[in-house]
C-alpha atoms as a PDB file:
ATOM      1  CA  MET A   1      90.390  98.010 167.003  1.00  0.00           C
ATOM      2  CA  GLN A   2      91.678  95.239 164.450  1.00  0.00           C
ATOM      3  CA  GLN A   3      94.417  96.515 162.200  1.00  0.00           C
ATOM      4  CA  PRO A   4      93.511  96.713 158.257  1.00  0.00           C
ATOM      5  CA  THR A   5      95.785  95.020 155.924  1.00  0.00           C
ATOM      6  CA  ILE A   6      95.243  94.609 152.150  1.00  0.00           C
ATOM      7  CA  GLY A   7      93.115  91.479 151.530  1.00  0.00           C
ATOM      8  CA  ARG A   8      91.256  91.257 154.525  1.00  0.00           C
ATOM      9  CA  ILE A   9      87.638  91.291 154.141  1.00  0.00           C
ATOM     10  CA  VAL A  10      85.110  94.128 155.883  1.00  0.00           C
ATOM     11  CA  HIS A  11      81.586  95.006 155.089  1.00  0.00           C
ATOM     12  CA  VAL A  12      80.452  98.294 153.469  1.00  0.00           C
ATOM     13  CA  THR A  13      77.280  99.922 153.987  1.00  0.00           C
ATOM     14  CA  GLN A  14      75.548 101.220 151.110  1.00  0.00           C
ATOM     15  CA  ALA A  15      72.070 102.175 149.711  1.00  0.00           C
ATOM     16  CA  PRO A  16      70.007  99.446 149.096  1.00  0.00           C
ATOM     17  CA  THR A  17      69.553  98.992 145.236  1.00  0.00           C
ATOM     18  CA  SER A  18      69.294  96.524 142.937  1.00  0.00           C
ATOM     19  CA  ASP A  19      72.864  96.485 142.228  1.00  0.00           C
ATOM     20  CA  ASN A  20      73.176  94.559 145.672  1.00  0.00           C
ATOM     21  CA  ASN A  21      70.084  92.603 145.430  1.00  0.00           C
ATOM     22  CA  TYR A  22      68.363  95.624 147.623  1.00  0.00           C
ATOM     23  CA  ALA A  23      70.613  95.020 150.628  1.00  0.00           C
ATOM     24  CA  ASP A  24      72.282  97.769 152.470  1.00  0.00           C
ATOM     25  CA  THR A  25      75.460  96.156 153.278  1.00  0.00           C
ATOM     26  CA  ALA A  26      77.959  94.467 150.847  1.00  0.00           C
ATOM     27  CA  PRO A  27      81.331  92.534 151.504  1.00  0.00           C
ATOM     28  CA  ALA A  28      84.565  94.170 150.299  1.00  0.00           C
ATOM     29  CA  ILE A  29      87.881  93.188 150.215  1.00  0.00           C
ATOM     30  CA  ILE A  30      90.719  96.066 151.349  1.00  0.00           C
ATOM     31  CA  THR A  31      93.019  97.057 148.641  1.00  0.00           C
ATOM     32  CA  ARG A  32      94.870  99.973 150.570  1.00  0.00           C
ATOM     33  CA  VAL A  33      95.207 101.213 153.803  1.00  0.00           C
ATOM     34  CA  PHE A  34      95.426 104.766 154.964  1.00  0.00           C
ATOM     35  CA  GLY A  35      96.331 104.680 158.648  1.00  0.00           C
ATOM     36  CA  GLY A  36      94.219 102.739 160.716  1.00  0.00           C
ATOM     37  CA  ASN A  37      90.650 103.721 160.064  1.00  0.00           C
ATOM     38  CA  CYS A  38      90.761 104.522 156.132  1.00  0.00           C
ATOM     39  CA  VAL A  39      90.666 102.078 153.119  1.00  0.00           C
ATOM     40  CA  ASN A  40      90.427 101.484 149.682  1.00  0.00           C
ATOM     41  CA  VAL A  41      88.060  98.581 148.671  1.00  0.00           C
ATOM     42  CA  ARG A  42      86.692  96.410 146.063  1.00  0.00           C
ATOM     43  CA  VAL A  43      83.075  95.635 146.610  1.00  0.00           C
ATOM     44  CA  LEU A  44      81.569  92.486 146.015  1.00  0.00           C
ATOM     45  CA  HIS A  45      77.628  92.941 145.280  1.00  0.00           C
ATOM     46  CA  ASP A  46      75.216  90.532 145.189  1.00  0.00           C
ATOM     47  CA  GLY A  47      73.976  91.629 141.551  1.00  0.00           C
ATOM     48  CA  PRO A  48      74.819  91.621 137.939  1.00  0.00           C
ATOM     49  CA  PRO A  49      78.712  91.872 137.171  1.00  0.00           C
ATOM     50  CA  VAL A  50      78.186  95.177 135.203  1.00  0.00           C
ATOM     51  CA  ALA A  51      75.762  97.771 136.456  1.00  0.00           C
ATOM     52  CA  GLU A  52      75.744 101.420 134.769  1.00  0.00           C
ATOM     53  CA  GLY A  53      76.586 103.420 138.057  1.00  0.00           C
ATOM     54  CA  ARG A  54      77.497 100.990 140.391  1.00  0.00           C
ATOM     55  CA  GLN A  55      80.656 101.686 142.522  1.00  0.00           C
ATOM     56  CA  ASP A  56      82.532  98.631 142.745  1.00  0.00           C
ATOM     57  CA  TRP A  57      85.736 100.548 144.081  1.00  0.00           C
ATOM     58  CA  LEU A  58      85.367 102.908 146.942  1.00  0.00           C
ATOM     59  CA  THR A  59      88.138 105.158 147.722  1.00  0.00           C
ATOM     60  CA  SER A  60      89.291 106.871 151.188  1.00  0.00           C
ATOM     61  CA  ILE A  61      86.243 105.578 153.011  1.00  0.00           C
ATOM     62  CA  PRO A  62      86.208 105.277 156.752  1.00  0.00           C
ATOM     63  CA  LEU A  63      86.541 102.152 158.499  1.00  0.00           C
ATOM     64  CA  GLU A  64      84.989 101.739 161.819  1.00  0.00           C
ATOM     65  CA  ASP A  65      84.761  98.576 164.425  1.00  0.00           C
ATOM     66  CA  ASP A  66      81.379  97.418 164.240  1.00  0.00           C
ATOM     67  CA  GLU A  67      78.254  98.176 162.280  1.00  0.00           C
ATOM     68  CA  GLU A  68      76.519 100.284 164.773  1.00  0.00           C
ATOM     69  CA  GLY A  69      79.626 102.481 164.718  1.00  0.00           C
ATOM     70  CA  ALA A  70      79.659 102.787 160.868  1.00  0.00           C
ATOM     71  CA  ARG A  71      75.625 103.740 160.434  1.00  0.00           C
ATOM     72  CA  ALA A  72      76.353 106.292 163.482  1.00  0.00           C
ATOM     73  CA  LEU A  73      78.471 108.098 160.920  1.00  0.00           C
ATOM     74  CA  GLY A  74      75.659 108.842 158.684  1.00  0.00           C
ATOM     75  CA  LEU A  75      77.692 108.383 155.487  1.00  0.00           C
ATOM     76  CA  THR A  76      76.695 106.225 152.309  1.00  0.00           C
ATOM     77  CA  HIS A  77      79.842 104.255 152.404  1.00  0.00           C
ATOM     78  CA  VAL A  78      81.344 103.102 155.677  1.00  0.00           C
ATOM     79  CA  ALA A  79      83.430  99.787 156.053  1.00  0.00           C
ATOM     80  CA  PHE A  80      83.313  97.777 159.290  1.00  0.00           C
ATOM     81  CA  TRP A  81      84.643  94.643 160.750  1.00  0.00           C
ATOM     82  CA  PRO A  82      82.120  91.697 160.498  1.00  0.00           C
ATOM     83  CA  PRO A  83      80.922  90.330 163.250  1.00  0.00           C
ATOM     84  CA  HIS A  84      82.771  87.317 164.670  1.00  0.00           C
ATOM     85  CA  ALA A  85      80.478  83.769 164.365  1.00  0.00           C
ATOM     86  CA  PRO A  86      81.075  81.478 166.841  1.00  0.00           C
ATOM     87  CA  ALA A  87      83.271  78.546 166.443  1.00  0.00           C
ATOM     88  CA  ARG A  88      81.337  75.471 165.140  1.00  0.00           C
ATOM     89  CA  LYS A  89      81.658  72.404 167.264  1.00  0.00           C
ATOM     90  CA  PRO A  90      82.510  69.338 165.052  1.00  0.00           C
ATOM     91  CA  ASP A  91      79.958  66.702 164.576  1.00  0.00           C
ATOM     92  CA  SER A  92      80.018  64.021 166.880  1.00  0.00           C
ATOM     93  CA  ILE A  93      81.303  60.633 165.567  1.00  0.00           C
ATOM     94  CA  SER A  94      79.798  57.770 167.431  1.00  0.00           C
ATOM     95  CA  GLY A  95      82.070  55.061 167.627  1.00  0.00           C
ATOM     96  CA  ASP A  96      81.566  51.493 168.874  1.00  0.00           C
END
């Protein structure tokens, strides 16, 4: 498992509501670490800046290696590491 540190970005599972444009996952920034698998996060919703009842801060939530492991826990909010995207090859520059 990757080591969580303050400032790293993770994904967080959540209920798909209008607060997050009906998506069931949102990005979040780690704000505190408890051991290697429990974190506090600030969630970056895809929605209006202030929505009544929206949870922008989540505390003491589990951190899993991947989305599959996070969803297997069956909890509303679980953090997990985003998948790695393959490195993009630079565009070819043709020279004369």
